[in-house]
Amino acid sequence: MKKIARRILALACALLLCLPLFAQPTDAASVTNPIKKIGLYYGASGLDAANLVVHTGAGFRLGFYDSARTFVSITETAERELTVTRDLHYSLSGAAYLSADPASASKVICRWHLRYKTASASAQAAVTEAARLTALGHNAYPILSGGAYYVGLGQFASEAAAAAAATELAAAVGAELSVYSGGGNVLRVTVTGSEKLLMIFDSASALGIAPGAQAGASAQTWCGGYRYYGGFEYKVNANNLINVVSVVDLCSYVKGVIPYEISASWPVEAQKAQALCAKCYAHSGAKHAASGFDLCDTACCQVYRGNNAATATSDAAVEAIMSKNISYNGGAITAYYSSSNGGASESSENVWSAALGYLRGKLDPYEDASVIPRYAYTNTITAAEVATILRNKGYAVPGVADMYVSKYTEVGNVYTLTVVDTAGKKWDFSKSSARAILGTDYVKSQRFTVTGGVGGATVSINAGGGSIALPVKDIYVADKTGAPVKIAGGPEIKVLTGKGLVSLGTGKTQTENNGVFTITGTGSGHNVGMSQWGLYCMAKKGMTYDEMLKFYYTGVDITDLAGETDTKTE
């Protein structure tokens, strides 16, 4: 939804743009400040090693989040820099973790360990025993495995090396030991840049790491160059990489959205409107639930980069609307928005599928082309390039002969883009596919035209709206006796009158296709719901955030969570 995204999305995420989650209305009073899970790195973009650094606060807690998203602590550390990896061999190069043969590396973290054969009575018992052994000079740590807690010891380059050390260490610690290796599906926490292990997490649940207990709610942690409130979850994915998820309360999440979806320098009323939309959108669904989190941090959902760019003003704008909600017929809405609608928003069913009463298309008199960057665009594409794009997306086109917009919506946005292949077959791409099929390098919004083709050119032949496609070959009209008279074809249309043939001109004719199409459009995004740049322009005119939202979302109420309702839109 953001006009500028940080990185190219994975294909699956791009497809989700065309299949938004239409949530059922929920009780407006239930919109409070829940915990959200936001995917930062996942799937093919997952990490081999994930680092955390304290920004403000003191140390970390290691454990997991339960089904209520409450953090359950297993152990704590005062260390300020941690790294999560799979329980495999890694060589260390500064803070970088590289897969390597331990025999060829000078400093490694190894996958073989020793652990107590008998499980501890509790997590605290395992932590206490590990602390006792650490005080004696051993690298000891708790291991969660199979729902039980054990004490782990050391790391070894091979199973044989671990077995050889077991007898001597067993005598030193006073307990029977067994060889243990978690492997690629097990996570391990170490002190960044060192061989010191802090915990091994062998569970079907996700590993959780949260700021230290004394850090307070204001603690912030560096992850991937950005500062975040809250904690994190880690889980090995199908690509044998680690998913990294931000676990954060809704208010803090929205504070990390606003400076990246718009700008913290925009007028305050625009920031309030954006904040309330971001809050309602985040609360209404879990687009990535199958991946273990609610939303991602990209334009696929909402751009979220933590607190680097947040200001006192942007934070205050968020706090000002946290007691508010946008509701329709008593239910909270899913507040879709895009960067710029180019002059008209669009009804939801004309872009996606469900017809939602509060997402109605309308002309937008507020967007000011003179202040919106890259508001208008013109791109050219050849027939050969269109054919290549379609083939790469699985369409068996021998070549492309023509391309044109065959249907517009009532407000003038594109409903159907038609491509005619060289075999004469028509391929219709409707709704969001009309915008998405060629890609954003060529089409940036639902509001565009295509010239250079011939198939879409028509001329009206009567007041009822009948038309004839241009150019034409043969047209027959009746003379005064009723006999058919053939009219020579061409780009002109002529009619037979009492004075003979009279030209009607070329009507809406276009030049014959020379193999190049020109796409001209305005706006950026899917056109449904709110326009971000519309907010900016409205705020500059002195409008309030609720006035802006009531324009873009038809028939909504701006309500207090306590139940008080502001004036409804007409």
Protein backbone atom coordinates (compact mmCIF):
# COMPACT_ATOMS: atom_id res chain seq x y z
CA MET A 1 0.00 0.00 0.00
CA LYS A 2 2.92 2.28 0.30
CA LYS A 3 3.99 4.31 -2.66
CA ILE A 4 7.61 3.36 -2.25
CA ALA A 5 8.55 -0.16 -1.10
CA ARG A 6 11.83 -1.25 0.46
CA ARG A 7 12.41 -4.37 -1.61
CA ILE A 8 10.85 -6.48 -4.36
CA LEU A 9 8.23 -8.75 -2.83
CA ALA A 10 8.24 -12.50 -3.15
CA LEU A 11 5.79 -13.79 -5.78
CA ALA A 12 3.39 -15.17 -3.21
CA CYS A 13 3.16 -11.84 -1.48
CA ALA A 14 2.60 -10.07 -4.81
CA LEU A 15 -0.32 -12.38 -5.53
CA LEU A 16 -1.85 -11.47 -2.22
CA LEU A 17 -2.16 -7.90 -3.45
CA CYS A 18 -4.82 -9.16 -5.84
CA LEU A 19 -6.57 -11.24 -3.17
CA PRO A 20 -7.11 -8.97 -0.17
CA LEU A 21 -8.65 -10.31 3.00
CA PHE A 22 -12.18 -8.99 3.38
CA ALA A 23 -12.80 -9.39 7.09
CA GLN A 24 -16.29 -9.78 8.48
CA PRO A 25 -17.43 -6.76 10.49
CA THR A 26 -16.40 -6.96 14.13
CA ASP A 27 -17.69 -5.23 17.22
CA ALA A 28 -16.35 -1.67 17.00
CA ALA A 29 -15.83 -1.58 20.76
CA SER A 30 -13.41 -4.55 20.55
CA VAL A 31 -10.71 -2.52 18.79
CA THR A 32 -8.28 -2.00 21.67
CA ASN A 33 -4.51 -2.48 21.69
CA PRO A 34 -3.87 -6.15 20.89
CA ILE A 35 -0.52 -7.78 20.21
CA LYS A 36 0.28 -8.09 16.50
CA LYS A 37 2.80 -10.31 14.74
CA ILE A 38 4.53 -8.68 11.77
CA GLY A 39 6.77 -10.66 9.42
CA LEU A 40 10.14 -8.95 8.90
CA TYR A 41 12.06 -11.76 7.18
CA TYR A 42 10.30 -14.90 5.96
CA GLY A 43 10.17 -17.50 3.23
CA ALA A 44 12.92 -17.01 0.67
CA SER A 45 13.89 -13.74 2.39
CA GLY A 46 14.45 -15.49 5.72
CA LEU A 47 17.81 -15.28 7.46
CA ASP A 48 20.57 -17.78 8.07
CA ALA A 49 21.59 -15.84 11.19
CA ALA A 50 19.46 -13.18 12.92
CA ASN A 51 21.12 -10.57 15.14
CA LEU A 52 19.59 -8.41 17.87
CA VAL A 53 21.20 -5.45 19.63
CA VAL A 54 19.83 -3.52 22.62
CA HIS A 55 19.12 0.12 21.78
CA THR A 56 17.39 1.12 25.00
CA GLY A 57 16.76 -1.27 27.84
CA ALA A 58 18.78 -3.94 29.61
CA GLY A 59 19.45 -7.42 28.26
CA PHE A 60 16.98 -9.98 26.92
CA ARG A 61 14.56 -12.67 28.01
CA LEU A 62 14.56 -15.95 26.07
CA GLY A 63 11.44 -18.10 25.85
CA PHE A 64 8.29 -18.17 23.73
CA TYR A 65 4.90 -16.50 23.22
CA ASP A 66 1.89 -18.56 24.29
CA SER A 67 -1.44 -18.79 22.44
CA ALA A 68 -2.58 -15.55 24.08
CA ARG A 69 0.60 -13.85 22.78
CA THR A 70 1.90 -13.44 26.31
CA PHE A 71 5.65 -13.89 26.67
CA VAL A 72 6.77 -16.93 28.71
CA SER A 73 10.35 -16.51 29.89
CA ILE A 74 12.70 -19.47 30.18
CA THR A 75 15.93 -17.63 30.97
CA GLU A 76 17.38 -14.12 31.00
CA THR A 77 20.69 -12.63 30.00
CA ALA A 78 22.38 -9.28 30.53
CA GLU A 79 24.10 -9.61 27.15
CA ARG A 80 23.31 -6.76 24.76
CA GLU A 81 23.93 -8.53 21.44
CA LEU A 82 22.44 -11.90 20.52
CA THR A 83 22.37 -14.08 17.42
CA VAL A 84 19.86 -16.78 16.52
CA THR A 85 20.98 -19.57 14.18
CA ARG A 86 19.99 -23.12 13.45
CA ASP A 87 21.86 -25.72 15.52
CA LEU A 88 24.48 -26.39 12.83
CA HIS A 89 28.17 -25.67 12.30
CA TYR A 90 29.01 -22.01 11.63
CA SER A 91 32.24 -20.13 11.29
CA LEU A 92 32.43 -16.64 12.72
CA SER A 93 33.71 -13.58 10.91
CA GLY A 94 33.09 -10.66 13.24
CA ALA A 95 29.32 -10.61 13.72
CA ALA A 96 28.74 -12.64 10.52
CA TYR A 97 27.85 -16.33 10.70
CA LEU A 98 28.93 -18.41 7.73
CA SER A 99 28.28 -22.08 7.04
CA ALA A 100 31.63 -23.86 6.90
CA ASP A 101 33.55 -27.01 7.74
CA PRO A 102 34.72 -26.48 11.33
CA ALA A 103 38.08 -28.07 10.49
CA SER A 104 38.87 -25.16 8.16
CA ALA A 105 37.72 -22.35 10.43
CA SER A 106 39.58 -20.71 13.29
CA LYS A 107 36.45 -19.91 15.31
CA VAL A 108 33.29 -21.96 15.05
CA ILE A 109 30.02 -22.79 16.71
CA CYS A 110 29.41 -26.52 16.52
CA ARG A 111 26.29 -28.66 16.36
CA TRP A 112 27.21 -31.42 18.84
CA HIS A 113 26.57 -30.99 22.56
CA LEU A 114 26.23 -32.86 25.81
CA ARG A 115 23.12 -32.70 27.96
CA TYR A 116 21.91 -34.18 31.20
CA LYS A 117 20.17 -37.49 30.56
CA THR A 118 17.52 -36.63 33.11
CA ALA A 119 15.20 -33.69 32.46
CA SER A 120 15.00 -30.97 35.05
CA ALA A 121 11.90 -30.57 37.16
CA SER A 122 11.17 -27.17 35.59
CA ALA A 123 12.60 -24.48 33.38
CA GLN A 124 13.83 -22.64 36.46
CA ALA A 125 15.58 -25.76 37.75
CA ALA A 126 17.41 -26.16 34.42
CA VAL A 127 18.42 -22.49 34.41
CA THR A 128 19.64 -22.65 37.99
CA GLU A 129 21.77 -25.73 37.33
CA ALA A 130 23.17 -24.19 34.14
CA ALA A 131 24.12 -21.08 36.12
CA ARG A 132 25.91 -23.26 38.72
CA LEU A 133 27.94 -24.97 36.00
CA THR A 134 28.74 -21.67 34.29
CA ALA A 135 30.13 -20.38 37.57
CA LEU A 136 32.43 -23.42 37.57
CA GLY A 137 33.79 -22.44 34.15
CA HIS A 138 31.59 -24.53 31.86
CA ASN A 139 29.55 -23.20 28.94
CA ALA A 140 26.20 -24.45 30.26
CA TYR A 141 22.71 -23.46 29.09
CA PRO A 142 19.10 -24.65 29.19
CA ILE A 143 17.70 -26.81 26.40
CA LEU A 144 13.98 -27.04 25.68
CA SER A 145 13.40 -30.34 23.88
CA GLY A 146 10.20 -32.34 23.49
CA GLY A 147 8.42 -30.16 26.03
CA ALA A 148 11.00 -30.89 28.76
CA TYR A 149 13.90 -28.81 30.06
CA TYR A 150 17.45 -30.10 30.18
CA VAL A 151 20.87 -28.74 31.02
CA GLY A 152 23.22 -28.53 28.03
CA LEU A 153 27.00 -28.40 28.02
CA GLY A 154 29.56 -27.14 25.52
CA GLN A 155 29.81 -27.67 21.79
CA PHE A 156 31.82 -30.20 19.79
CA ALA A 157 32.90 -30.57 16.17
CA SER A 158 31.70 -34.18 15.93
CA GLU A 159 29.59 -36.76 17.67
CA ALA A 160 32.74 -38.72 18.52
CA ALA A 161 34.35 -35.67 20.14
CA ALA A 162 31.26 -35.12 22.27
CA ALA A 163 31.14 -38.77 23.32
CA ALA A 164 34.83 -38.71 24.24
CA ALA A 165 34.30 -35.74 26.53
CA ALA A 166 31.17 -37.12 28.17
CA THR A 167 32.86 -39.31 30.80
CA GLU A 168 35.22 -36.63 32.09
CA LEU A 169 32.54 -33.93 32.15
CA ALA A 170 30.02 -36.23 33.82
CA ALA A 171 32.40 -36.66 36.73
CA ALA A 172 33.02 -32.91 36.91
CA VAL A 173 29.36 -31.91 36.99
CA GLY A 174 28.08 -34.88 38.96
CA ALA A 175 25.44 -36.00 36.46
CA GLU A 176 25.06 -38.61 33.72
CA LEU A 177 25.39 -37.06 30.24
CA SER A 178 24.30 -37.99 26.72
CA VAL A 179 25.30 -36.69 23.29
CA TYR A 180 22.79 -34.29 21.75
CA SER A 181 22.47 -32.46 18.41
CA GLY A 182 19.45 -30.42 17.45
CA GLY A 183 20.14 -30.09 13.72
CA GLY A 184 18.72 -27.80 11.10
CA ASN A 185 15.19 -27.47 12.50
CA VAL A 186 16.37 -26.48 15.98
CA LEU A 187 17.28 -22.93 16.98
CA ARG A 188 20.20 -21.81 19.07
CA VAL A 189 20.90 -18.46 20.77
CA THR A 190 24.48 -17.29 21.18
CA VAL A 191 26.27 -14.12 22.19
CA THR A 192 26.98 -12.35 18.89
CA GLY A 193 30.50 -12.88 17.62
CA SER A 194 31.36 -15.46 20.28
CA GLU A 195 31.09 -19.20 20.88
CA LYS A 196 29.03 -18.72 24.04
CA LEU A 197 25.70 -20.54 23.90
CA LEU A 198 22.75 -19.17 25.88
CA MET A 199 19.93 -21.56 25.00
CA ILE A 200 18.88 -24.28 22.55
CA PHE A 201 15.22 -24.27 21.53
CA ASP A 202 13.97 -27.63 20.18
CA SER A 203 10.21 -27.15 19.95
CA ALA A 204 7.40 -26.97 17.42
CA SER A 205 6.63 -23.52 18.81
CA ALA A 206 8.49 -20.40 17.72
CA LEU A 207 11.43 -19.18 19.80
CA GLY A 208 10.68 -15.86 21.47
CA ILE A 209 13.09 -13.13 22.54
CA ALA A 210 11.89 -10.06 24.45
CA PRO A 211 13.61 -7.11 26.12
CA GLY A 212 14.81 -7.74 29.67
CA ALA A 213 12.23 -7.65 32.44
CA GLN A 214 13.64 -4.39 33.82
CA ALA A 215 13.67 -2.67 30.42
CA GLY A 216 10.04 -1.53 30.50
CA ALA A 217 7.63 -0.91 27.63
CA SER A 218 9.85 1.79 26.13
CA ALA A 219 12.72 -0.63 25.36
CA GLN A 220 13.83 -0.67 21.73
CA THR A 221 15.91 -3.27 19.93
CA TRP A 222 17.91 -3.10 16.71
CA CYS A 223 17.05 -5.75 14.13
CA GLY A 224 18.26 -5.53 10.53
CA GLY A 225 19.12 -1.84 10.77
CA TYR A 226 15.79 -0.76 12.29
CA ARG A 227 14.69 -0.13 15.88
CA TYR A 228 11.61 -1.89 17.18
CA TYR A 229 9.47 -1.89 20.28
CA GLY A 230 8.38 -5.25 21.64
CA GLY A 231 9.87 -8.68 21.10
CA PHE A 232 10.59 -11.15 18.29
CA GLU A 233 9.75 -14.68 17.20
CA TYR A 234 11.99 -17.07 15.25
CA LYS A 235 11.12 -20.25 13.41
CA VAL A 236 12.85 -22.34 10.72
CA ASN A 237 10.87 -22.22 7.47
CA ALA A 238 10.59 -24.56 4.46
CA ASN A 239 13.58 -22.85 2.82
CA ASN A 240 15.80 -23.82 5.77
CA LEU A 241 16.02 -20.18 6.70
CA ILE A 242 14.79 -18.41 9.80
CA ASN A 243 11.57 -16.40 9.83
CA VAL A 244 11.91 -13.27 11.96
CA VAL A 245 8.66 -11.79 13.31
CA SER A 246 8.13 -8.57 15.27
CA VAL A 247 5.74 -9.12 18.18
CA VAL A 248 4.39 -5.71 19.15
CA ASP A 249 1.31 -3.98 20.52
CA LEU A 250 -0.96 -2.31 17.98
CA CYS A 251 -0.16 1.26 19.05
CA SER A 252 3.61 0.74 18.76
CA TYR A 253 3.10 -1.00 15.43
CA VAL A 254 1.15 1.94 14.00
CA LYS A 255 3.90 4.30 15.21
CA GLY A 256 6.28 2.27 13.04
CA VAL A 257 3.98 2.48 10.02
CA ILE A 258 3.13 6.19 9.77
CA PRO A 259 6.60 7.62 8.92
CA TYR A 260 7.01 5.07 6.12
CA GLU A 261 3.54 4.96 4.61
CA ILE A 262 3.47 8.76 4.43
CA SER A 263 5.88 11.20 6.07
CA ALA A 264 6.30 12.39 9.63
CA SER A 265 6.59 15.92 8.19
CA TRP A 266 3.06 15.90 6.70
CA PRO A 267 0.27 17.95 8.34
CA VAL A 268 -0.90 16.47 11.63
CA GLU A 269 -4.48 15.89 10.45
CA ALA A 270 -3.19 13.83 7.52
CA GLN A 271 -1.06 11.79 9.92
CA LYS A 272 -4.07 11.18 12.17
CA ALA A 273 -6.14 9.97 9.22
CA GLN A 274 -3.36 7.67 8.06
CA ALA A 275 -2.83 6.39 11.60
CA LEU A 276 -6.49 5.50 12.05
CA CYS A 277 -6.55 3.73 8.68
CA ALA A 278 -3.37 1.81 9.52
CA LYS A 279 -4.79 0.84 12.91
CA CYS A 280 -8.11 -0.37 11.46
CA TYR A 281 -6.40 -2.24 8.61
CA ALA A 282 -4.03 -4.02 11.01
CA HIS A 283 -6.76 -4.92 13.43
CA SER A 284 -9.15 -6.30 10.83
CA GLY A 285 -7.25 -9.29 9.49
CA ALA A 286 -4.32 -11.68 9.38
CA LYS A 287 -3.26 -11.79 5.75
CA HIS A 288 -0.23 -14.01 6.45
CA ALA A 289 -1.72 -16.29 9.11
CA ALA A 290 -0.57 -19.39 7.21
CA SER A 291 3.03 -18.19 7.63
CA GLY A 292 2.69 -17.69 11.37
CA PHE A 293 2.14 -13.94 11.52
CA ASP A 294 -0.61 -11.41 10.85
CA LEU A 295 0.88 -8.92 8.39
CA CYS A 296 4.19 -8.40 6.62
CA ASP A 297 6.30 -5.25 6.81
CA THR A 298 6.09 -4.39 3.11
CA ALA A 299 3.66 -2.67 0.75
CA CYS A 300 1.90 -6.03 0.43
CA CYS A 301 0.28 -5.05 3.74
CA GLN A 302 1.61 -1.84 5.31
CA VAL A 303 5.20 -0.63 5.32
CA TYR A 304 6.56 -1.04 8.86
CA ARG A 305 10.14 -0.14 9.78
CA GLY A 306 9.99 0.38 13.52
CA ASN A 307 10.91 3.71 15.07
CA ASN A 308 13.89 5.09 13.15
CA ALA A 309 11.88 7.79 11.39
CA ALA A 310 9.20 8.37 14.04
CA THR A 311 8.96 11.81 15.62
CA ALA A 312 7.20 13.22 18.65
CA THR A 313 4.59 14.63 16.25
CA SER A 314 3.95 11.36 14.42
CA ASP A 315 3.78 9.44 17.71
CA ALA A 316 1.32 11.99 19.10
CA ALA A 317 -0.86 11.61 15.99
CA VAL A 318 -1.06 7.87 16.60
CA GLU A 319 -1.85 8.27 20.29
CA ALA A 320 -4.60 10.78 19.42
CA ILE A 321 -6.59 8.22 17.42
CA MET A 322 -6.03 5.04 19.43
CA SER A 323 -9.39 5.52 21.16
CA LYS A 324 -11.13 5.92 17.78
CA ASN A 325 -12.44 3.49 15.20
CA ILE A 326 -13.91 3.65 11.69
CA SER A 327 -17.14 1.66 11.60
CA TYR A 328 -19.81 0.85 9.04
CA ASN A 329 -23.21 -0.43 10.11
CA GLY A 330 -21.77 -1.03 13.58
CA GLY A 331 -18.77 -3.09 12.43
CA ALA A 332 -15.13 -2.10 12.13
CA ILE A 333 -14.00 -1.65 8.53
CA THR A 334 -10.92 -2.85 6.70
CA ALA A 335 -9.46 0.53 5.78
CA TYR A 336 -7.88 -0.06 2.38
CA TYR A 337 -5.85 2.75 0.89
CA SER A 338 -3.34 3.48 -1.86
CA SER A 339 -0.85 6.20 -2.67
CA SER A 340 -2.93 8.18 -5.17
CA ASN A 341 -6.14 7.40 -7.04
CA GLY A 342 -5.30 9.63 -9.99
CA GLY A 343 -8.62 11.45 -9.89
CA ALA A 344 -11.14 8.80 -8.81
CA SER A 345 -11.31 6.06 -6.22
CA GLU A 346 -12.92 2.75 -7.20
CA SER A 347 -15.60 0.43 -5.83
CA SER A 348 -14.14 -2.70 -4.24
CA GLU A 349 -15.98 -5.16 -6.51
CA ASN A 350 -14.51 -3.48 -9.59
CA VAL A 351 -10.96 -4.19 -8.40
CA TRP A 352 -11.26 -7.29 -6.21
CA SER A 353 -14.42 -9.30 -5.58
CA ALA A 354 -16.61 -8.39 -2.60
CA ALA A 355 -18.87 -5.34 -2.85
CA LEU A 356 -18.37 -3.45 0.41
CA GLY A 357 -20.72 -0.57 1.03
CA TYR A 358 -18.06 1.72 2.45
CA LEU A 359 -15.70 1.21 -0.51
CA ARG A 360 -17.54 3.09 -3.27
CA GLY A 361 -15.85 4.65 -6.26
CA LYS A 362 -16.11 8.41 -6.62
CA LEU A 363 -14.41 11.28 -8.38
CA ASP A 364 -11.76 12.86 -6.17
CA PRO A 365 -11.63 16.67 -6.44
CA TYR A 366 -8.92 16.98 -3.77
CA GLU A 367 -5.85 15.39 -5.34
CA ASP A 368 -3.65 18.18 -6.67
CA ALA A 369 -1.46 17.01 -9.55
CA SER A 370 0.90 19.93 -9.01
CA VAL A 371 2.05 18.67 -5.60
CA ILE A 372 1.91 14.88 -6.06
CA PRO A 373 5.22 13.38 -7.24
CA ARG A 374 5.00 11.28 -10.40
CA TYR A 375 1.24 11.84 -10.49
CA ALA A 376 0.97 11.28 -14.25
CA TYR A 377 2.90 8.64 -16.15
CA THR A 378 3.39 7.63 -19.76
CA ASN A 379 5.05 4.37 -20.73
CA THR A 380 5.48 2.63 -24.04
CA ILE A 381 5.53 -1.11 -24.57
CA THR A 382 5.94 -3.11 -27.75
CA ALA A 383 3.73 -5.94 -28.88
CA ALA A 384 6.69 -8.28 -28.50
CA GLU A 385 7.19 -7.16 -24.90
CA VAL A 386 3.50 -7.69 -24.12
CA ALA A 387 3.73 -11.19 -25.59
CA THR A 388 6.80 -11.99 -23.50
CA ILE A 389 5.13 -10.81 -20.29
CA LEU A 390 2.06 -12.91 -20.98
CA ARG A 391 4.08 -16.02 -21.85
CA ASN A 392 6.13 -15.63 -18.68
CA LYS A 393 2.87 -15.62 -16.75
CA GLY A 394 1.62 -18.78 -18.40
CA TYR A 395 -0.51 -17.46 -21.27
CA ALA A 396 0.03 -19.30 -24.56
CA VAL A 397 0.09 -16.33 -26.94
CA PRO A 398 1.84 -16.78 -30.31
CA GLY A 399 2.26 -13.02 -30.60
CA VAL A 400 0.32 -9.83 -29.88
CA ALA A 401 -1.64 -8.02 -32.57
CA ASP A 402 -3.55 -5.49 -30.49
CA MET A 403 -4.15 -4.19 -26.96
CA TYR A 404 -6.80 -1.77 -25.74
CA VAL A 405 -9.09 -0.93 -22.82
CA SER A 406 -12.39 -2.61 -23.60
CA LYS A 407 -14.34 -1.55 -20.52
CA TYR A 408 -14.21 1.34 -18.08
CA THR A 409 -16.01 1.74 -14.75
CA GLU A 410 -18.58 4.44 -14.09
CA VAL A 411 -15.91 6.79 -12.70
CA GLY A 412 -13.53 6.23 -15.60
CA ASN A 413 -11.10 3.67 -14.18
CA VAL A 414 -10.10 0.61 -16.16
CA TYR A 415 -12.24 -2.49 -15.69
CA THR A 416 -10.98 -4.67 -18.55
CA LEU A 417 -7.77 -4.59 -20.58
CA THR A 418 -8.01 -6.71 -23.72
CA VAL A 419 -5.09 -8.23 -25.60
CA VAL A 420 -5.64 -9.77 -29.05
CA ASP A 421 -3.04 -12.31 -30.09
CA THR A 422 -1.85 -12.92 -33.64
CA ALA A 423 -4.16 -15.94 -33.91
CA GLY A 424 -7.15 -13.68 -33.28
CA LYS A 425 -7.85 -14.85 -29.72
CA LYS A 426 -8.88 -12.21 -27.19
CA TRP A 427 -7.46 -12.28 -23.69
CA ASP A 428 -9.43 -10.17 -21.20
CA PHE A 429 -7.79 -9.03 -17.96
CA SER A 430 -10.33 -7.50 -15.62
CA LYS A 431 -10.38 -5.76 -12.26
CA SER A 432 -7.02 -5.87 -10.46
CA SER A 433 -5.56 -7.99 -13.27
CA ALA A 434 -6.01 -5.08 -15.67
CA ARG A 435 -3.46 -3.16 -13.60
CA ALA A 436 -1.26 -6.07 -12.56
CA ILE A 437 -0.86 -8.09 -15.75
CA LEU A 438 1.80 -5.87 -17.34
CA GLY A 439 3.51 -5.00 -14.05
CA THR A 440 4.16 -1.68 -12.36
CA ASP A 441 6.93 -0.78 -14.80
CA TYR A 442 4.13 -0.04 -17.25
CA VAL A 443 0.86 0.35 -15.31
CA LYS A 444 0.86 2.05 -11.91
CA SER A 445 -2.85 2.47 -11.19
CA GLN A 446 -6.37 1.51 -12.30
CA ARG A 447 -6.72 4.85 -14.09
CA PHE A 448 -5.08 4.73 -17.51
CA THR A 449 -5.62 4.63 -21.25
CA VAL A 450 -3.94 2.65 -24.02
CA THR A 451 -3.30 4.07 -27.47
CA GLY A 452 -1.60 2.60 -30.50
CA GLY A 453 -4.04 -0.29 -30.87
CA VAL A 454 -6.97 -0.64 -33.22
CA GLY A 455 -9.37 -3.09 -31.63
CA GLY A 456 -10.78 -0.68 -29.11
CA ALA A 457 -11.60 2.15 -31.54
CA THR A 458 -15.31 2.65 -32.24
CA VAL A 459 -17.68 5.25 -33.58
CA SER A 460 -21.24 5.71 -32.40
CA ILE A 461 -23.93 5.18 -35.05
CA ASN A 462 -27.03 6.21 -33.15
CA ALA A 463 -28.17 7.98 -30.01
CA GLY A 464 -28.78 4.64 -28.31
CA GLY A 465 -25.08 3.94 -28.09
CA GLY A 466 -24.63 1.43 -30.93
CA SER A 467 -21.13 1.42 -32.37
CA ILE A 468 -18.96 0.08 -35.17
CA ALA A 469 -15.36 -0.93 -34.64
CA LEU A 470 -12.79 0.97 -36.69
CA PRO A 471 -11.31 0.62 -39.20
CA VAL A 472 -14.10 -0.96 -41.23
CA LYS A 473 -14.07 -2.84 -44.51
CA ASP A 474 -17.64 -2.74 -45.82
CA ILE A 475 -20.80 -1.07 -44.59
CA TYR A 476 -24.15 -1.31 -46.33
CA VAL A 477 -26.97 1.21 -45.98
CA ALA A 478 -30.42 1.31 -47.53
CA ASP A 479 -31.33 3.85 -50.18
CA LYS A 480 -34.78 5.42 -50.48
CA THR A 481 -36.10 2.39 -52.34
CA GLY A 482 -34.80 0.00 -49.67
CA ALA A 483 -32.04 -1.42 -51.85
CA PRO A 484 -28.65 -2.04 -50.13
CA VAL A 485 -25.86 0.31 -51.11
CA LYS A 486 -22.23 -0.61 -50.31
CA ILE A 487 -20.08 2.14 -48.74
CA ALA A 488 -16.36 1.94 -49.26
CA GLY A 489 -14.49 1.09 -46.06
CA GLY A 490 -11.63 2.92 -44.36
CA PRO A 491 -11.04 4.99 -41.28
CA GLU A 492 -14.06 7.19 -42.13
CA ILE A 493 -17.75 6.45 -41.61
CA LYS A 494 -20.19 7.77 -44.25
CA VAL A 495 -23.98 7.74 -44.30
CA LEU A 496 -26.42 8.00 -47.18
CA THR A 497 -28.63 11.08 -47.04
CA GLY A 498 -30.99 12.78 -49.49
CA LYS A 499 -27.92 14.69 -50.72
CA GLY A 500 -25.81 11.55 -51.19
CA LEU A 501 -22.91 10.20 -49.10
CA VAL A 502 -21.91 12.44 -46.19
CA SER A 503 -18.80 11.80 -44.09
CA LEU A 504 -19.18 11.61 -40.30
CA GLY A 505 -15.43 11.98 -39.84
CA THR A 506 -13.11 9.59 -38.09
CA GLY A 507 -14.93 9.55 -34.76
CA LYS A 508 -12.79 7.89 -32.08
CA THR A 509 -10.51 6.22 -34.57
CA GLN A 510 -6.90 5.49 -33.62
CA THR A 511 -3.85 5.02 -35.74
CA GLU A 512 -3.14 1.53 -36.96
CA ASN A 513 -0.99 -0.58 -34.64
CA ASN A 514 2.68 -0.13 -35.48
CA GLY A 515 3.75 -2.59 -32.78
CA VAL A 516 4.05 0.02 -30.01
CA PHE A 517 1.41 0.83 -27.40
CA THR A 518 1.38 3.92 -25.21
CA ILE A 519 0.00 3.66 -21.71
CA THR A 520 -0.94 6.97 -20.12
CA GLY A 521 -2.26 7.14 -16.59
CA THR A 522 -2.52 8.98 -13.31
CA GLY A 523 -2.15 7.85 -9.73
CA SER A 524 -0.38 4.94 -8.06
CA GLY A 525 -1.93 1.86 -6.47
CA HIS A 526 -5.20 -0.04 -6.53
CA ASN A 527 -7.51 3.01 -6.18
CA VAL A 528 -9.73 1.44 -3.50
CA GLY A 529 -10.51 3.46 -0.39
CA MET A 530 -8.36 6.32 0.83
CA SER A 531 -5.78 8.25 -1.18
CA GLN A 532 -2.68 9.07 0.86
CA TRP A 533 -1.83 12.06 -1.28
CA GLY A 534 -5.47 13.07 -1.12
CA LEU A 535 -5.01 13.33 2.65
CA TYR A 536 -2.06 15.64 2.18
CA CYS A 537 -3.99 17.91 -0.18
CA MET A 538 -7.06 17.93 2.06
CA ALA A 539 -5.00 18.79 5.14
CA LYS A 540 -3.43 21.70 3.26
CA LYS A 541 -6.96 22.98 2.68
CA GLY A 542 -7.65 22.87 6.43
CA MET A 543 -9.80 19.72 6.56
CA THR A 544 -9.80 17.54 9.68
CA TYR A 545 -8.88 13.86 9.75
CA ASP A 546 -12.47 12.72 10.25
CA GLU A 547 -13.68 14.83 7.31
CA MET A 548 -11.04 13.21 5.11
CA LEU A 549 -11.97 9.68 6.14
CA LYS A 550 -15.69 10.28 5.72
CA PHE A 551 -15.07 11.39 2.16
CA TYR A 552 -13.09 8.31 1.17
CA TYR A 553 -15.14 5.72 3.09
CA THR A 554 -18.82 6.02 2.23
CA GLY A 555 -21.36 5.98 5.04
CA VAL A 556 -18.93 5.38 7.90
CA ASP A 557 -18.94 6.57 11.51
CA ILE A 558 -15.87 7.73 13.41
CA THR A 559 -16.55 6.19 16.81
CA ASP A 560 -15.00 6.17 20.25
CA LEU A 561 -14.20 2.74 21.62
CA ALA A 562 -16.42 3.62 24.55
CA GLY A 563 -19.33 3.71 22.11
CA GLU A 564 -19.73 7.42 21.38
CA THR A 565 -20.38 8.11 17.68
CA ASP A 566 -19.41 11.19 15.74
CA THR A 567 -21.57 12.57 12.93
CA LYS A 568 -22.11 10.05 10.14
CA THR A 569 -21.28 10.79 6.53
CA GLU A 570 -24.10 11.42 4.12
